[in-house]
Amino acid sequence: MATKIDWRPGTLLYPLPAVMVTVGRDESEYNVLTVAWTGTICSDPAMCYISVRPGRHSYPVLKKNMEFVINLTTEALARQTDWVGVRSGKDYDKFREMNLTPVKAHVVDAPYIDESPLCIECRVKEIVALGTHDMFIAEVVNILADEQYIDPKTGAFDMEKARLLVYSHGNYYGLGDFIGKFGWSVRKKK
């Protein structure tokens, strides 16, 4: 039997998707920030959240416009993902510096990153102040998926082919090997 010790409370629920969030109604406001505090909170209606520090440059734009896009990142976008997370939009045009292409989203007033394989357009329903971060609870109003990652047989987004990036306790990783599909452990064998 493994011995467990009491350890200090912390944010150890890993891995998480490493995403780039884009905000701004027009090019004068456009900014991109890296967010690891993100996730799904409801499937019907589709809802998710991001948590952002109030001191971040994008925070007032996000709070004013109440719309954003979650751009999934890939192993090929790892450097850009890290860089936009440690540089401030008040000092840099992050899109230009990282050769990322902002494109006006289809439903919300925010750009998406053209290089991202999947972009989730979100409209904020509620902001919850939690301490170091405020949680922006949002409804998913549209998904923009790169057609090359849609499986023609199933219509599903092929995460393995996209080579998505995850964040775990200060480090970035690829997703790793496929183990099984939901329910595989109880599925009857033919």
N, C-alpha and C. Protein backbone atom coordinates (compact mmCIF):
# COMPACT_ATOMS: atom_id res chain seq x y z
N MET A 1 0.84 -1.18 0.00
CA MET A 1 0.00 0.00 0.00
C MET A 1 0.89 1.25 0.00
N ALA A 2 0.56 2.21 -0.87
CA ALA A 2 1.34 3.44 -0.96
C ALA A 2 1.09 4.31 0.27
N THR A 3 2.13 4.98 0.72
CA THR A 3 2.00 5.89 1.84
C THR A 3 1.67 7.27 1.32
N LYS A 4 0.61 7.86 1.84
CA LYS A 4 0.21 9.21 1.46
C LYS A 4 0.59 10.16 2.58
N ILE A 5 1.08 11.35 2.20
CA ILE A 5 1.39 12.38 3.18
C ILE A 5 0.52 13.58 2.90
N ASP A 6 0.24 14.37 3.93
CA ASP A 6 -0.47 15.63 3.74
C ASP A 6 0.49 16.59 3.06
N TRP A 7 0.00 17.25 2.03
CA TRP A 7 0.82 18.18 1.25
C TRP A 7 0.06 19.47 1.12
N ARG A 8 0.75 20.55 0.95
CA ARG A 8 0.08 21.86 0.92
C ARG A 8 -0.96 21.92 -0.20
N PRO A 9 -2.10 22.57 0.04
CA PRO A 9 -3.11 22.73 -1.01
C PRO A 9 -2.55 23.54 -2.18
N GLY A 10 -2.93 23.18 -3.36
CA GLY A 10 -2.46 23.89 -4.54
C GLY A 10 -3.23 23.48 -5.77
N THR A 11 -2.86 24.06 -6.87
CA THR A 11 -3.54 23.79 -8.14
C THR A 11 -2.83 22.64 -8.85
N LEU A 12 -3.19 21.43 -8.50
CA LEU A 12 -2.52 20.26 -9.05
C LEU A 12 -3.45 19.38 -9.88
N LEU A 13 -4.50 19.95 -10.39
CA LEU A 13 -5.42 19.21 -11.24
C LEU A 13 -4.94 19.33 -12.68
N TYR A 14 -4.01 18.44 -13.05
CA TYR A 14 -3.34 18.53 -14.34
C TYR A 14 -3.48 17.22 -15.09
N PRO A 15 -3.27 17.19 -16.40
CA PRO A 15 -2.95 18.31 -17.28
C PRO A 15 -4.20 19.09 -17.66
N LEU A 16 -3.96 20.27 -18.19
CA LEU A 16 -5.00 21.17 -18.69
C LEU A 16 -4.65 21.56 -20.11
N PRO A 17 -5.65 21.93 -20.90
CA PRO A 17 -5.30 22.43 -22.24
C PRO A 17 -4.54 23.75 -22.11
N ALA A 18 -3.51 23.91 -22.90
CA ALA A 18 -2.80 25.19 -22.97
C ALA A 18 -3.43 25.92 -24.15
N VAL A 19 -4.18 26.96 -23.87
CA VAL A 19 -4.90 27.66 -24.94
C VAL A 19 -4.44 29.11 -25.04
N MET A 20 -4.62 29.65 -26.23
CA MET A 20 -4.44 31.08 -26.42
C MET A 20 -5.83 31.68 -26.56
N VAL A 21 -6.12 32.68 -25.74
CA VAL A 21 -7.41 33.35 -25.75
C VAL A 21 -7.24 34.68 -26.47
N THR A 22 -8.16 34.97 -27.37
CA THR A 22 -8.09 36.23 -28.12
C THR A 22 -9.29 37.10 -27.77
N VAL A 23 -9.02 38.40 -27.69
CA VAL A 23 -10.04 39.39 -27.32
C VAL A 23 -9.90 40.63 -28.20
N GLY A 24 -10.95 41.44 -28.20
CA GLY A 24 -10.92 42.74 -28.88
C GLY A 24 -11.96 42.85 -29.98
N ARG A 25 -12.71 43.94 -29.96
CA ARG A 25 -13.74 44.18 -30.98
C ARG A 25 -13.16 44.56 -32.32
N ASP A 26 -12.03 45.27 -32.30
CA ASP A 26 -11.39 45.68 -33.55
C ASP A 26 -9.89 45.61 -33.37
N GLU A 27 -9.16 45.84 -34.46
CA GLU A 27 -7.71 45.66 -34.43
C GLU A 27 -7.01 46.51 -33.37
N SER A 28 -7.58 47.67 -33.02
CA SER A 28 -6.95 48.51 -32.00
C SER A 28 -6.97 47.85 -30.62
N GLU A 29 -7.90 46.92 -30.39
CA GLU A 29 -8.03 46.22 -29.11
C GLU A 29 -7.49 44.79 -29.14
N TYR A 30 -7.22 44.25 -30.31
CA TYR A 30 -6.84 42.84 -30.42
C TYR A 30 -5.67 42.51 -29.50
N ASN A 31 -5.84 41.41 -28.78
CA ASN A 31 -4.74 40.88 -27.98
C ASN A 31 -4.94 39.38 -27.82
N VAL A 32 -3.85 38.73 -27.50
CA VAL A 32 -3.87 37.29 -27.27
C VAL A 32 -3.12 37.01 -25.97
N LEU A 33 -3.67 36.12 -25.16
CA LEU A 33 -3.02 35.74 -23.91
C LEU A 33 -3.12 34.22 -23.75
N THR A 34 -2.15 33.65 -23.08
CA THR A 34 -2.16 32.23 -22.80
C THR A 34 -2.92 32.00 -21.50
N VAL A 35 -3.79 30.99 -21.52
CA VAL A 35 -4.58 30.65 -20.35
C VAL A 35 -4.49 29.14 -20.13
N ALA A 36 -4.18 28.73 -18.92
CA ALA A 36 -4.22 27.31 -18.59
C ALA A 36 -5.40 27.02 -17.67
N TRP A 37 -5.93 28.03 -17.00
CA TRP A 37 -7.09 27.82 -16.14
C TRP A 37 -8.33 27.93 -17.02
N THR A 38 -8.69 26.81 -17.62
CA THR A 38 -9.82 26.75 -18.54
C THR A 38 -10.42 25.35 -18.52
N GLY A 39 -11.67 25.26 -18.92
CA GLY A 39 -12.28 23.94 -18.99
C GLY A 39 -13.75 23.98 -19.34
N THR A 40 -14.31 22.80 -19.51
CA THR A 40 -15.72 22.61 -19.81
C THR A 40 -16.50 22.61 -18.51
N ILE A 41 -17.69 23.25 -18.49
CA ILE A 41 -18.50 23.22 -17.28
C ILE A 41 -19.92 22.74 -17.53
N CYS A 42 -20.34 22.64 -18.80
CA CYS A 42 -21.69 22.17 -19.10
C CYS A 42 -21.74 21.76 -20.57
N SER A 43 -22.52 20.72 -20.87
CA SER A 43 -22.61 20.28 -22.26
C SER A 43 -23.87 20.77 -22.96
N ASP A 44 -24.95 21.05 -22.22
CA ASP A 44 -26.17 21.55 -22.85
C ASP A 44 -26.85 22.55 -21.92
N PRO A 45 -26.68 23.86 -22.17
CA PRO A 45 -25.95 24.43 -23.30
C PRO A 45 -24.45 24.28 -23.12
N ALA A 46 -23.74 24.25 -24.24
CA ALA A 46 -22.28 24.14 -24.19
C ALA A 46 -21.72 25.37 -23.49
N MET A 47 -20.99 25.13 -22.40
CA MET A 47 -20.40 26.23 -21.64
C MET A 47 -19.00 25.86 -21.19
N CYS A 48 -18.17 26.88 -21.05
CA CYS A 48 -16.80 26.70 -20.59
C CYS A 48 -16.42 27.91 -19.76
N TYR A 49 -15.19 27.91 -19.30
CA TYR A 49 -14.71 29.04 -18.51
C TYR A 49 -13.25 29.29 -18.83
N ILE A 50 -12.84 30.51 -18.56
CA ILE A 50 -11.43 30.87 -18.46
C ILE A 50 -11.28 31.67 -17.18
N SER A 51 -10.14 31.55 -16.54
CA SER A 51 -9.85 32.37 -15.37
C SER A 51 -8.66 33.26 -15.69
N VAL A 52 -8.84 34.57 -15.45
CA VAL A 52 -7.84 35.57 -15.82
C VAL A 52 -7.59 36.49 -14.63
N ARG A 53 -6.33 36.82 -14.43
CA ARG A 53 -5.98 37.78 -13.37
C ARG A 53 -6.46 39.17 -13.77
N PRO A 54 -7.07 39.91 -12.83
CA PRO A 54 -7.52 41.27 -13.15
C PRO A 54 -6.39 42.20 -13.59
N GLY A 55 -5.16 41.92 -13.23
CA GLY A 55 -4.03 42.78 -13.63
C GLY A 55 -3.54 42.55 -15.05
N ARG A 56 -4.05 41.53 -15.72
CA ARG A 56 -3.59 41.24 -17.08
C ARG A 56 -4.07 42.34 -18.04
N HIS A 57 -3.27 42.63 -19.05
CA HIS A 57 -3.58 43.68 -20.03
C HIS A 57 -4.92 43.41 -20.74
N SER A 58 -5.25 42.17 -21.00
CA SER A 58 -6.48 41.82 -21.72
C SER A 58 -7.73 41.87 -20.83
N TYR A 59 -7.55 41.88 -19.53
CA TYR A 59 -8.69 41.80 -18.62
C TYR A 59 -9.74 42.88 -18.86
N PRO A 60 -9.37 44.18 -18.93
CA PRO A 60 -10.42 45.20 -19.14
C PRO A 60 -11.13 45.06 -20.49
N VAL A 61 -10.42 44.63 -21.51
CA VAL A 61 -11.03 44.42 -22.83
C VAL A 61 -12.03 43.27 -22.75
N LEU A 62 -11.62 42.20 -22.11
CA LEU A 62 -12.48 41.04 -21.92
C LEU A 62 -13.73 41.41 -21.12
N LYS A 63 -13.55 42.14 -20.04
CA LYS A 63 -14.68 42.52 -19.19
C LYS A 63 -15.63 43.49 -19.89
N LYS A 64 -15.08 44.39 -20.68
CA LYS A 64 -15.92 45.37 -21.40
C LYS A 64 -16.71 44.69 -22.52
N ASN A 65 -16.05 43.86 -23.31
CA ASN A 65 -16.69 43.27 -24.49
C ASN A 65 -17.49 42.00 -24.18
N MET A 66 -17.11 41.28 -23.13
CA MET A 66 -17.82 40.07 -22.70
C MET A 66 -17.87 38.98 -23.77
N GLU A 67 -16.85 38.97 -24.65
CA GLU A 67 -16.73 37.94 -25.67
C GLU A 67 -15.25 37.63 -25.88
N PHE A 68 -14.97 36.38 -26.22
CA PHE A 68 -13.58 35.97 -26.46
C PHE A 68 -13.59 34.69 -27.29
N VAL A 69 -12.40 34.31 -27.75
CA VAL A 69 -12.24 33.05 -28.48
C VAL A 69 -11.14 32.24 -27.79
N ILE A 70 -11.44 30.97 -27.52
CA ILE A 70 -10.44 30.04 -27.01
C ILE A 70 -9.86 29.34 -28.23
N ASN A 71 -8.56 29.50 -28.44
CA ASN A 71 -7.85 28.89 -29.57
C ASN A 71 -7.01 27.75 -29.05
N LEU A 72 -7.36 26.51 -29.43
CA LEU A 72 -6.55 25.37 -29.01
C LEU A 72 -5.17 25.49 -29.63
N THR A 73 -4.18 25.02 -28.89
CA THR A 73 -2.80 25.10 -29.37
C THR A 73 -2.27 23.71 -29.69
N THR A 74 -1.19 23.70 -30.44
CA THR A 74 -0.58 22.46 -30.89
C THR A 74 0.89 22.45 -30.51
N GLU A 75 1.51 21.29 -30.69
CA GLU A 75 2.94 21.21 -30.45
C GLU A 75 3.69 22.21 -31.33
N ALA A 76 3.21 22.42 -32.55
CA ALA A 76 3.85 23.38 -33.46
C ALA A 76 3.70 24.82 -32.98
N LEU A 77 2.70 25.08 -32.14
CA LEU A 77 2.46 26.43 -31.60
C LEU A 77 2.99 26.59 -30.18
N ALA A 78 3.80 25.65 -29.70
CA ALA A 78 4.27 25.69 -28.31
C ALA A 78 5.04 26.96 -27.99
N ARG A 79 5.96 27.36 -28.86
CA ARG A 79 6.75 28.56 -28.59
C ARG A 79 5.85 29.80 -28.52
N GLN A 80 4.93 29.93 -29.47
CA GLN A 80 4.02 31.08 -29.48
C GLN A 80 3.14 31.07 -28.23
N THR A 81 2.67 29.89 -27.84
CA THR A 81 1.81 29.76 -26.66
C THR A 81 2.53 30.25 -25.41
N ASP A 82 3.76 29.82 -25.24
CA ASP A 82 4.54 30.25 -24.08
C ASP A 82 4.84 31.75 -24.15
N TRP A 83 5.29 32.22 -25.31
CA TRP A 83 5.72 33.61 -25.46
C TRP A 83 4.58 34.59 -25.16
N VAL A 84 3.38 34.34 -25.71
CA VAL A 84 2.29 35.28 -25.47
C VAL A 84 1.81 35.23 -24.03
N GLY A 85 2.18 34.14 -23.31
CA GLY A 85 1.81 34.05 -21.90
C GLY A 85 2.75 34.78 -20.96
N VAL A 86 3.96 35.10 -21.43
CA VAL A 86 4.92 35.78 -20.56
C VAL A 86 5.22 37.21 -21.00
N ARG A 87 4.63 37.63 -22.09
CA ARG A 87 4.78 39.01 -22.58
C ARG A 87 3.44 39.72 -22.48
N SER A 88 3.48 41.02 -22.23
CA SER A 88 2.26 41.80 -22.08
C SER A 88 1.87 42.49 -23.38
N GLY A 89 0.57 42.49 -23.65
CA GLY A 89 0.04 43.20 -24.81
C GLY A 89 0.20 44.71 -24.72
N LYS A 90 0.50 45.23 -23.54
CA LYS A 90 0.75 46.67 -23.43
C LYS A 90 2.13 47.03 -23.99
N ASP A 91 3.02 46.02 -24.08
CA ASP A 91 4.37 46.25 -24.57
C ASP A 91 4.62 45.69 -25.97
N TYR A 92 3.80 44.74 -26.40
CA TYR A 92 4.04 44.06 -27.67
C TYR A 92 2.74 43.86 -28.45
N ASP A 93 2.85 43.87 -29.76
CA ASP A 93 1.78 43.38 -30.61
C ASP A 93 2.06 41.89 -30.75
N LYS A 94 1.42 41.10 -29.94
CA LYS A 94 1.74 39.68 -29.86
C LYS A 94 1.44 38.93 -31.15
N PHE A 95 0.39 39.32 -31.85
CA PHE A 95 0.10 38.69 -33.13
C PHE A 95 1.27 38.87 -34.09
N ARG A 96 1.73 40.10 -34.19
CA ARG A 96 2.83 40.40 -35.12
C ARG A 96 4.13 39.74 -34.68
N GLU A 97 4.45 39.86 -33.40
CA GLU A 97 5.70 39.31 -32.87
C GLU A 97 5.80 37.79 -33.07
N MET A 98 4.68 37.09 -32.97
CA MET A 98 4.68 35.63 -33.05
C MET A 98 4.16 35.11 -34.39
N ASN A 99 3.99 36.01 -35.36
CA ASN A 99 3.50 35.62 -36.69
C ASN A 99 2.20 34.84 -36.61
N LEU A 100 1.29 35.30 -35.76
CA LEU A 100 -0.04 34.71 -35.65
C LEU A 100 -1.01 35.59 -36.43
N THR A 101 -1.96 34.97 -37.10
CA THR A 101 -2.88 35.69 -37.96
C THR A 101 -4.23 35.87 -37.27
N PRO A 102 -4.59 37.13 -36.90
CA PRO A 102 -5.91 37.36 -36.32
C PRO A 102 -6.95 37.45 -37.45
N VAL A 103 -8.06 36.75 -37.27
CA VAL A 103 -9.17 36.78 -38.24
C VAL A 103 -10.44 37.06 -37.45
N LYS A 104 -11.27 37.94 -37.96
CA LYS A 104 -12.53 38.27 -37.29
C LYS A 104 -13.37 37.01 -37.12
N ALA A 105 -13.80 36.74 -35.90
CA ALA A 105 -14.62 35.55 -35.62
C ALA A 105 -15.97 35.67 -36.33
N HIS A 106 -16.64 34.56 -36.50
CA HIS A 106 -17.90 34.54 -37.24
C HIS A 106 -19.09 35.02 -36.43
N VAL A 107 -19.09 34.79 -35.10
CA VAL A 107 -20.25 35.14 -34.27
C VAL A 107 -19.92 36.21 -33.24
N VAL A 108 -18.80 36.11 -32.55
CA VAL A 108 -18.47 37.07 -31.49
C VAL A 108 -17.57 38.18 -32.03
N ASP A 109 -17.55 39.27 -31.29
CA ASP A 109 -16.66 40.39 -31.63
C ASP A 109 -15.30 40.18 -30.99
N ALA A 110 -14.53 39.32 -31.59
CA ALA A 110 -13.16 39.02 -31.16
C ALA A 110 -12.50 38.29 -32.32
N PRO A 111 -11.18 38.34 -32.38
CA PRO A 111 -10.50 37.59 -33.45
C PRO A 111 -10.26 36.14 -33.02
N TYR A 112 -10.04 35.29 -34.00
CA TYR A 112 -9.50 33.97 -33.72
C TYR A 112 -8.13 33.89 -34.36
N ILE A 113 -7.35 32.89 -33.98
CA ILE A 113 -6.00 32.70 -34.52
C ILE A 113 -6.11 31.69 -35.67
N ASP A 114 -5.79 32.12 -36.87
CA ASP A 114 -5.93 31.28 -38.05
C ASP A 114 -5.10 30.00 -37.95
N GLU A 115 -3.96 30.05 -37.28
CA GLU A 115 -3.07 28.91 -37.16
C GLU A 115 -3.58 27.85 -36.16
N SER A 116 -4.57 28.20 -35.37
CA SER A 116 -5.13 27.26 -34.40
C SER A 116 -6.04 26.26 -35.10
N PRO A 117 -5.97 24.98 -34.72
CA PRO A 117 -6.81 23.98 -35.39
C PRO A 117 -8.28 24.02 -34.97
N LEU A 118 -8.57 24.59 -33.80
CA LEU A 118 -9.94 24.65 -33.32
C LEU A 118 -10.11 25.91 -32.48
N CYS A 119 -11.11 26.71 -32.85
CA CYS A 119 -11.34 28.00 -32.18
C CYS A 119 -12.77 28.00 -31.64
N ILE A 120 -12.90 28.30 -30.36
CA ILE A 120 -14.17 28.22 -29.66
C ILE A 120 -14.65 29.64 -29.34
N GLU A 121 -15.69 30.07 -30.04
CA GLU A 121 -16.23 31.42 -29.83
C GLU A 121 -17.13 31.41 -28.61
N CYS A 122 -16.89 32.35 -27.67
CA CYS A 122 -17.57 32.35 -26.38
C CYS A 122 -18.16 33.72 -26.06
N ARG A 123 -19.32 33.67 -25.40
CA ARG A 123 -19.98 34.87 -24.92
C ARG A 123 -20.14 34.74 -23.41
N VAL A 124 -19.60 35.70 -22.66
CA VAL A 124 -19.59 35.64 -21.18
C VAL A 124 -21.01 35.78 -20.63
N LYS A 125 -21.35 34.88 -19.71
CA LYS A 125 -22.64 34.90 -19.02
C LYS A 125 -22.49 35.47 -17.61
N GLU A 126 -21.32 35.22 -17.01
CA GLU A 126 -21.12 35.62 -15.62
C GLU A 126 -19.64 35.71 -15.32
N ILE A 127 -19.27 36.64 -14.45
CA ILE A 127 -17.90 36.76 -13.97
C ILE A 127 -17.92 36.51 -12.46
N VAL A 128 -17.08 35.61 -12.02
CA VAL A 128 -17.01 35.28 -10.60
C VAL A 128 -15.60 35.63 -10.09
N ALA A 129 -15.53 36.56 -9.13
CA ALA A 129 -14.25 36.92 -8.52
C ALA A 129 -13.88 35.83 -7.53
N LEU A 130 -12.67 35.25 -7.69
CA LEU A 130 -12.31 34.10 -6.87
C LEU A 130 -11.07 34.32 -6.01
N GLY A 131 -10.35 35.39 -6.18
CA GLY A 131 -9.08 35.61 -5.48
C GLY A 131 -8.09 36.15 -6.47
N THR A 132 -7.05 35.38 -6.78
CA THR A 132 -6.04 35.86 -7.74
C THR A 132 -6.59 35.97 -9.14
N HIS A 133 -7.63 35.20 -9.46
CA HIS A 133 -8.22 35.18 -10.80
C HIS A 133 -9.73 35.40 -10.73
N ASP A 134 -10.28 35.96 -11.81
CA ASP A 134 -11.72 36.03 -11.99
C ASP A 134 -12.09 34.99 -13.04
N MET A 135 -13.16 34.25 -12.76
CA MET A 135 -13.62 33.23 -13.70
C MET A 135 -14.68 33.82 -14.62
N PHE A 136 -14.44 33.70 -15.91
CA PHE A 136 -15.39 34.15 -16.93
C PHE A 136 -16.14 32.91 -17.42
N ILE A 137 -17.37 32.77 -16.95
CA ILE A 137 -18.21 31.64 -17.35
C ILE A 137 -18.90 32.05 -18.65
N ALA A 138 -18.76 31.21 -19.67
CA ALA A 138 -19.23 31.62 -21.00
C ALA A 138 -19.98 30.51 -21.72
N GLU A 139 -20.90 30.93 -22.56
CA GLU A 139 -21.60 30.01 -23.44
C GLU A 139 -20.82 29.89 -24.74
N VAL A 140 -20.67 28.69 -25.24
CA VAL A 140 -20.03 28.47 -26.53
C VAL A 140 -21.07 28.76 -27.59
N VAL A 141 -20.80 29.75 -28.45
CA VAL A 141 -21.77 30.14 -29.47
C VAL A 141 -21.38 29.71 -30.88
N ASN A 142 -20.13 29.27 -31.06
CA ASN A 142 -19.70 28.77 -32.36
C ASN A 142 -18.35 28.08 -32.21
N ILE A 143 -18.11 27.12 -33.08
CA ILE A 143 -16.81 26.45 -33.15
C ILE A 143 -16.31 26.59 -34.59
N LEU A 144 -15.05 26.97 -34.71
CA LEU A 144 -14.39 27.04 -36.02
C LEU A 144 -13.33 25.95 -36.03
N ALA A 145 -13.51 24.93 -36.88
CA ALA A 145 -12.61 23.79 -36.91
C ALA A 145 -11.88 23.73 -38.24
N ASP A 146 -10.59 23.49 -38.18
CA ASP A 146 -9.78 23.32 -39.38
C ASP A 146 -10.19 21.99 -40.02
N GLU A 147 -10.67 22.08 -41.24
CA GLU A 147 -11.25 20.93 -41.93
C GLU A 147 -10.29 19.74 -42.03
N GLN A 148 -8.99 20.01 -42.08
CA GLN A 148 -8.03 18.90 -42.21
C GLN A 148 -8.02 17.97 -41.00
N TYR A 149 -8.59 18.42 -39.86
CA TYR A 149 -8.61 17.60 -38.66
C TYR A 149 -9.97 16.95 -38.39
N ILE A 150 -10.90 17.08 -39.31
CA ILE A 150 -12.21 16.46 -39.16
C ILE A 150 -12.17 15.10 -39.84
N ASP A 151 -12.45 14.06 -39.06
CA ASP A 151 -12.45 12.69 -39.60
C ASP A 151 -13.64 12.55 -40.55
N PRO A 152 -13.40 12.23 -41.82
CA PRO A 152 -14.50 12.15 -42.80
C PRO A 152 -15.49 11.02 -42.50
N LYS A 153 -15.07 10.00 -41.79
CA LYS A 153 -15.95 8.87 -41.47
C LYS A 153 -16.87 9.18 -40.29
N THR A 154 -16.29 9.79 -39.24
CA THR A 154 -17.06 10.01 -38.01
C THR A 154 -17.55 11.44 -37.84
N GLY A 155 -16.92 12.38 -38.53
CA GLY A 155 -17.25 13.79 -38.34
C GLY A 155 -16.65 14.37 -37.07
N ALA A 156 -15.82 13.60 -36.38
CA ALA A 156 -15.20 14.04 -35.11
C ALA A 156 -13.90 14.78 -35.39
N PHE A 157 -13.54 15.64 -34.46
CA PHE A 157 -12.26 16.35 -34.52
C PHE A 157 -11.17 15.39 -34.07
N ASP A 158 -10.13 15.22 -34.89
CA ASP A 158 -9.05 14.27 -34.61
C ASP A 158 -7.96 14.96 -33.79
N MET A 159 -8.06 14.83 -32.47
CA MET A 159 -7.12 15.50 -31.57
C MET A 159 -5.71 14.95 -31.72
N GLU A 160 -5.59 13.67 -31.98
CA GLU A 160 -4.27 13.06 -32.14
C GLU A 160 -3.57 13.64 -33.37
N LYS A 161 -4.29 13.76 -34.47
CA LYS A 161 -3.73 14.31 -35.71
C LYS A 161 -3.34 15.78 -35.52
N ALA A 162 -4.13 16.51 -34.75
CA ALA A 162 -3.85 17.94 -34.51
C ALA A 162 -2.64 18.14 -33.60
N ARG A 163 -2.26 17.11 -32.84
CA ARG A 163 -1.12 17.17 -31.93
C ARG A 163 -1.26 18.33 -30.93
N LEU A 164 -2.35 18.28 -30.18
CA LEU A 164 -2.68 19.35 -29.23
C LEU A 164 -1.66 19.42 -28.10
N LEU A 165 -1.57 20.62 -27.53
CA LEU A 165 -0.63 20.93 -26.46
C LEU A 165 -1.38 20.99 -25.13
N VAL A 166 -0.76 20.46 -24.07
CA VAL A 166 -1.33 20.57 -22.73
C VAL A 166 -0.29 21.18 -21.79
N TYR A 167 -0.80 21.67 -20.66
CA TYR A 167 0.02 22.32 -19.64
C TYR A 167 -0.09 21.50 -18.37
N SER A 168 1.05 21.24 -17.72
CA SER A 168 1.03 20.50 -16.47
C SER A 168 2.09 21.05 -15.52
N HIS A 169 1.62 21.77 -14.51
CA HIS A 169 2.47 22.26 -13.43
C HIS A 169 3.72 22.98 -13.95
N GLY A 170 3.50 23.95 -14.85
CA GLY A 170 4.60 24.77 -15.34
C GLY A 170 5.30 24.23 -16.58
N ASN A 171 4.81 23.13 -17.13
CA ASN A 171 5.44 22.51 -18.28
C ASN A 171 4.41 22.24 -19.39
N TYR A 172 4.90 22.23 -20.63
CA TYR A 172 4.05 21.92 -21.78
C TYR A 172 4.37 20.52 -22.29
N TYR A 173 3.32 19.81 -22.73
CA TYR A 173 3.48 18.45 -23.23
C TYR A 173 2.54 18.22 -24.41
N GLY A 174 2.89 17.24 -25.25
CA GLY A 174 1.94 16.73 -26.22
C GLY A 174 0.97 15.82 -25.49
N LEU A 175 -0.08 15.38 -26.16
CA LEU A 175 -1.09 14.56 -25.50
C LEU A 175 -0.64 13.15 -25.16
N GLY A 176 0.24 12.56 -25.92
CA GLY A 176 0.67 11.20 -25.63
C GLY A 176 -0.11 10.18 -26.42
N ASP A 177 0.07 8.93 -26.07
CA ASP A 177 -0.52 7.81 -26.81
C ASP A 177 -2.00 7.64 -26.50
N PHE A 178 -2.76 7.21 -27.50
CA PHE A 178 -4.17 6.87 -27.35
C PHE A 178 -4.28 5.60 -26.51
N ILE A 179 -5.17 5.59 -25.52
CA ILE A 179 -5.34 4.44 -24.64
C ILE A 179 -6.69 3.75 -24.87
N GLY A 180 -7.74 4.52 -25.01
CA GLY A 180 -9.06 3.92 -25.21
C GLY A 180 -10.11 4.98 -25.39
N LYS A 181 -11.23 4.60 -25.98
CA LYS A 181 -12.37 5.50 -26.20
C LYS A 181 -13.31 5.40 -25.00
N PHE A 182 -13.99 6.48 -24.69
CA PHE A 182 -14.92 6.51 -23.55
C PHE A 182 -15.81 5.27 -23.57
N GLY A 183 -15.84 4.56 -22.47
CA GLY A 183 -16.65 3.36 -22.33
C GLY A 183 -15.97 2.07 -22.76
N TRP A 184 -14.73 2.14 -23.20
CA TRP A 184 -14.03 0.95 -23.70
C TRP A 184 -13.86 -0.13 -22.64
N SER A 185 -13.79 0.29 -21.38
CA SER A 185 -13.54 -0.70 -20.32
C SER A 185 -14.74 -1.60 -20.04
N VAL A 186 -15.92 -1.21 -20.45
CA VAL A 186 -17.12 -2.01 -20.18
C VAL A 186 -17.79 -2.50 -21.47
N ARG A 187 -17.27 -2.12 -22.60
CA ARG A 187 -17.87 -2.52 -23.87
C ARG A 187 -17.75 -4.03 -24.05
N LYS A 188 -18.84 -4.63 -24.49
CA LYS A 188 -18.85 -6.08 -24.73
C LYS A 188 -18.05 -6.39 -25.98
N LYS A 189 -17.30 -7.45 -25.88
CA LYS A 189 -16.50 -7.89 -27.03
C LYS A 189 -17.38 -8.71 -27.96
N LYS A 190 -17.14 -8.54 -29.23
CA LYS A 190 -17.94 -9.26 -30.23
C LYS A 190 -17.32 -10.59 -30.56
